């Protein structure tokens, strides 16, 4: 069944499309928060942050196995294409 998942690992495991946060960026931003807390900033004084970077991955192997055609526009917009 064609599905969309949230993490890059799912695309490499066979998901058709993934769209979600860049986990490496989120981890780096979390590390910055921890650093600021360890240097004495009160957690209540830190701003609430949401994800800033999102990634779109398309798995053409899965599309081919399902007999689907992915539009050139979507492939052009994808951050990564698995062939």
N, C-alpha and C. Protein backbone atom coordinates (compact mmCIF):
# COMPACT_ATOMS: atom_id res chain seq x y z
N UNK A 1 0.84 -1.17 0.00
CA UNK A 1 0.00 0.00 0.00
C UNK A 1 0.90 1.25 0.00
N UNK A 2 0.72 2.16 -0.93
CA UNK A 2 1.51 3.39 -0.94
C UNK A 2 1.26 4.19 0.34
N UNK A 3 2.33 4.56 0.99
CA UNK A 3 2.22 5.31 2.25
C UNK A 3 3.28 6.38 2.32
N UNK A 4 3.02 7.36 3.17
CA UNK A 4 4.00 8.41 3.45
C UNK A 4 4.40 8.26 4.91
N UNK A 5 5.69 8.25 5.15
CA UNK A 5 6.23 8.12 6.50
C UNK A 5 7.00 9.38 6.87
N UNK A 6 7.45 9.45 8.12
CA UNK A 6 8.06 10.67 8.63
C UNK A 6 9.58 10.69 8.60
N UNK A 7 10.23 9.53 8.55
CA UNK A 7 11.68 9.53 8.70
C UNK A 7 12.39 8.88 7.53
N UNK A 8 13.57 9.38 7.25
CA UNK A 8 14.38 8.94 6.11
C UNK A 8 14.61 7.43 6.12
N UNK A 9 14.82 6.85 7.29
CA UNK A 9 15.09 5.42 7.38
C UNK A 9 13.96 4.59 6.79
N UNK A 10 12.73 5.09 6.90
CA UNK A 10 11.59 4.36 6.33
C UNK A 10 11.70 4.26 4.81
N UNK A 11 12.18 5.32 4.17
CA UNK A 11 12.32 5.29 2.71
C UNK A 11 13.35 4.24 2.30
N UNK A 12 14.43 4.15 3.04
CA UNK A 12 15.45 3.14 2.72
C UNK A 12 14.96 1.73 3.03
N UNK A 13 13.95 1.63 3.89
CA UNK A 13 13.36 0.33 4.22
C UNK A 13 12.24 -0.06 3.26
N UNK A 14 11.86 0.85 2.33
CA UNK A 14 10.87 0.51 1.33
C UNK A 14 9.66 1.40 1.25
N UNK A 15 9.55 2.42 2.11
CA UNK A 15 8.41 3.34 2.02
C UNK A 15 8.46 4.10 0.70
N UNK A 16 7.32 4.40 0.15
CA UNK A 16 7.24 5.11 -1.12
C UNK A 16 7.76 6.54 -1.00
N UNK A 17 7.28 7.26 0.02
CA UNK A 17 7.65 8.66 0.22
C UNK A 17 7.81 8.91 1.72
N UNK A 18 8.79 9.74 2.06
CA UNK A 18 8.88 10.22 3.44
C UNK A 18 8.97 11.73 3.41
N UNK A 19 8.33 12.34 4.37
CA UNK A 19 8.41 13.80 4.53
C UNK A 19 8.40 14.08 6.02
N UNK A 20 9.48 14.63 6.50
CA UNK A 20 9.56 14.91 7.93
C UNK A 20 10.75 15.78 8.25
N UNK A 21 10.98 15.92 9.53
CA UNK A 21 12.06 16.79 9.98
C UNK A 21 13.41 16.18 9.65
N UNK A 22 14.39 17.04 9.53
CA UNK A 22 15.77 16.61 9.39
C UNK A 22 16.24 16.27 10.80
N UNK A 23 16.34 14.98 11.11
CA UNK A 23 16.65 14.56 12.47
C UNK A 23 18.03 15.01 12.92
N UNK A 24 19.00 15.06 12.02
CA UNK A 24 20.34 15.52 12.39
C UNK A 24 20.29 16.97 12.86
N UNK A 25 19.53 17.80 12.16
CA UNK A 25 19.37 19.21 12.56
C UNK A 25 18.69 19.30 13.92
N UNK A 26 17.66 18.49 14.14
CA UNK A 26 16.95 18.52 15.41
C UNK A 26 17.86 18.11 16.56
N UNK A 27 18.70 17.12 16.34
CA UNK A 27 19.62 16.68 17.38
C UNK A 27 20.63 17.77 17.70
N UNK A 28 21.14 18.43 16.68
CA UNK A 28 22.10 19.52 16.91
C UNK A 28 21.46 20.66 17.70
N UNK A 29 20.21 20.96 17.39
CA UNK A 29 19.52 22.03 18.12
C UNK A 29 19.25 21.62 19.56
N UNK A 30 18.98 20.34 19.78
CA UNK A 30 18.80 19.84 21.14
C UNK A 30 20.10 19.94 21.92
N UNK A 31 21.20 19.59 21.27
CA UNK A 31 22.51 19.69 21.92
C UNK A 31 22.80 21.13 22.33
N UNK A 32 22.39 22.08 21.51
CA UNK A 32 22.57 23.50 21.86
C UNK A 32 21.78 23.84 23.12
N UNK A 33 20.56 23.33 23.23
CA UNK A 33 19.75 23.56 24.43
C UNK A 33 20.44 22.99 25.66
N UNK A 34 20.93 21.77 25.56
CA UNK A 34 21.60 21.13 26.69
C UNK A 34 22.83 21.94 27.09
N UNK A 35 23.60 22.39 26.11
CA UNK A 35 24.78 23.21 26.38
C UNK A 35 24.40 24.48 27.13
N UNK A 36 23.35 25.12 26.69
CA UNK A 36 22.92 26.37 27.35
C UNK A 36 22.46 26.11 28.78
N UNK A 37 21.78 24.99 29.01
CA UNK A 37 21.34 24.65 30.37
C UNK A 37 22.54 24.35 31.26
N UNK A 38 23.50 23.59 30.73
CA UNK A 38 24.69 23.26 31.51
C UNK A 38 25.54 24.49 31.82
N UNK A 39 25.41 25.53 31.02
CA UNK A 39 26.14 26.78 31.27
C UNK A 39 25.37 27.73 32.18
N UNK A 40 24.18 27.30 32.64
CA UNK A 40 23.48 28.08 33.65
C UNK A 40 22.16 28.71 33.24
N UNK A 41 21.79 28.61 31.98
CA UNK A 41 20.51 29.18 31.56
C UNK A 41 19.38 28.34 32.14
N UNK A 42 18.39 29.01 32.70
CA UNK A 42 17.24 28.29 33.23
C UNK A 42 16.40 27.78 32.06
N UNK A 43 15.96 26.52 32.12
CA UNK A 43 15.14 25.98 31.04
C UNK A 43 13.92 26.85 30.72
N UNK A 44 13.35 27.48 31.74
CA UNK A 44 12.17 28.33 31.52
C UNK A 44 12.51 29.57 30.69
N UNK A 45 13.79 29.94 30.65
CA UNK A 45 14.21 31.11 29.89
C UNK A 45 14.53 30.79 28.43
N UNK A 46 14.53 29.52 28.07
CA UNK A 46 14.83 29.15 26.69
C UNK A 46 13.56 29.23 25.84
N UNK A 47 13.68 29.71 24.63
CA UNK A 47 12.50 29.80 23.75
C UNK A 47 12.06 28.42 23.28
N UNK A 48 10.78 28.28 23.06
CA UNK A 48 10.26 27.05 22.47
C UNK A 48 10.57 27.10 20.98
N UNK A 49 11.12 26.01 20.47
CA UNK A 49 11.48 25.97 19.06
C UNK A 49 10.82 24.79 18.38
N UNK A 50 10.47 24.99 17.14
CA UNK A 50 9.95 23.91 16.32
C UNK A 50 10.97 23.55 15.27
N UNK A 51 10.73 22.49 14.53
CA UNK A 51 11.66 22.11 13.47
C UNK A 51 11.74 23.18 12.40
N UNK A 52 12.93 23.34 11.83
CA UNK A 52 13.14 24.33 10.78
C UNK A 52 13.41 23.70 9.43
N UNK A 53 13.93 22.49 9.44
CA UNK A 53 14.35 21.85 8.21
C UNK A 53 13.54 20.57 8.00
N UNK A 54 12.96 20.44 6.81
CA UNK A 54 12.18 19.26 6.46
C UNK A 54 12.79 18.62 5.22
N UNK A 55 12.64 17.30 5.11
CA UNK A 55 13.19 16.58 3.97
C UNK A 55 12.10 15.75 3.29
N UNK A 56 12.15 15.74 1.97
CA UNK A 56 11.25 14.92 1.16
C UNK A 56 12.10 13.88 0.44
N UNK A 57 11.79 12.61 0.66
CA UNK A 57 12.48 11.52 -0.02
C UNK A 57 11.48 10.71 -0.82
N UNK A 58 11.88 10.30 -2.01
CA UNK A 58 11.03 9.48 -2.87
C UNK A 58 11.80 8.21 -3.20
N UNK A 59 11.15 7.07 -3.04
CA UNK A 59 11.76 5.79 -3.32
C UNK A 59 11.22 5.27 -4.66
N UNK A 60 12.05 5.41 -5.70
CA UNK A 60 11.62 4.98 -7.04
C UNK A 60 11.58 3.46 -7.17
N UNK A 61 12.37 2.75 -6.37
CA UNK A 61 12.31 1.28 -6.39
C UNK A 61 10.91 0.82 -5.98
N UNK A 62 10.41 1.42 -4.91
CA UNK A 62 9.07 1.06 -4.43
C UNK A 62 8.01 1.47 -5.44
N UNK A 63 8.15 2.65 -6.02
CA UNK A 63 7.18 3.12 -7.02
C UNK A 63 7.13 2.14 -8.19
N UNK A 64 8.30 1.69 -8.64
CA UNK A 64 8.34 0.75 -9.76
C UNK A 64 7.68 -0.57 -9.37
N UNK A 65 7.95 -1.05 -8.15
CA UNK A 65 7.36 -2.32 -7.69
C UNK A 65 5.84 -2.23 -7.60
N UNK A 66 5.32 -1.04 -7.31
CA UNK A 66 3.88 -0.83 -7.20
C UNK A 66 3.24 -0.44 -8.54
N UNK A 67 4.08 -0.24 -9.56
CA UNK A 67 3.57 0.16 -10.87
C UNK A 67 3.13 1.61 -10.91
N UNK A 68 3.75 2.45 -10.09
CA UNK A 68 3.38 3.86 -10.02
C UNK A 68 4.40 4.71 -10.77
N UNK A 69 3.94 5.82 -11.30
CA UNK A 69 4.81 6.80 -11.93
C UNK A 69 4.82 8.04 -11.05
N UNK A 70 6.01 8.48 -10.68
CA UNK A 70 6.15 9.69 -9.87
C UNK A 70 6.39 10.85 -10.82
N UNK A 71 5.67 11.93 -10.64
CA UNK A 71 5.78 13.07 -11.57
C UNK A 71 7.17 13.69 -11.50
N UNK A 72 7.64 14.19 -12.64
CA UNK A 72 8.94 14.86 -12.67
C UNK A 72 9.00 16.04 -11.70
N UNK A 73 7.86 16.73 -11.51
CA UNK A 73 7.84 17.87 -10.59
C UNK A 73 8.13 17.41 -9.16
N UNK A 74 7.53 16.29 -8.75
CA UNK A 74 7.77 15.79 -7.40
C UNK A 74 9.22 15.33 -7.25
N UNK A 75 9.74 14.69 -8.27
CA UNK A 75 11.14 14.25 -8.21
C UNK A 75 12.08 15.45 -8.12
N UNK A 76 11.74 16.53 -8.82
CA UNK A 76 12.57 17.74 -8.77
C UNK A 76 12.53 18.39 -7.39
N UNK A 77 11.41 18.29 -6.71
CA UNK A 77 11.25 18.89 -5.39
C UNK A 77 11.86 18.05 -4.29
N UNK A 78 12.07 16.76 -4.54
CA UNK A 78 12.59 15.84 -3.52
C UNK A 78 14.02 16.22 -3.15
N UNK A 79 14.32 16.10 -1.86
CA UNK A 79 15.69 16.32 -1.40
C UNK A 79 16.58 15.14 -1.77
N UNK A 80 15.99 13.94 -1.74
CA UNK A 80 16.72 12.73 -2.12
C UNK A 80 15.78 11.82 -2.89
N UNK A 81 16.34 11.12 -3.87
CA UNK A 81 15.58 10.13 -4.65
C UNK A 81 16.36 8.82 -4.57
N UNK A 82 15.68 7.78 -4.12
CA UNK A 82 16.28 6.45 -4.03
C UNK A 82 15.94 5.72 -5.31
N UNK A 83 16.97 5.31 -6.04
CA UNK A 83 16.76 4.64 -7.33
C UNK A 83 17.12 3.18 -7.26
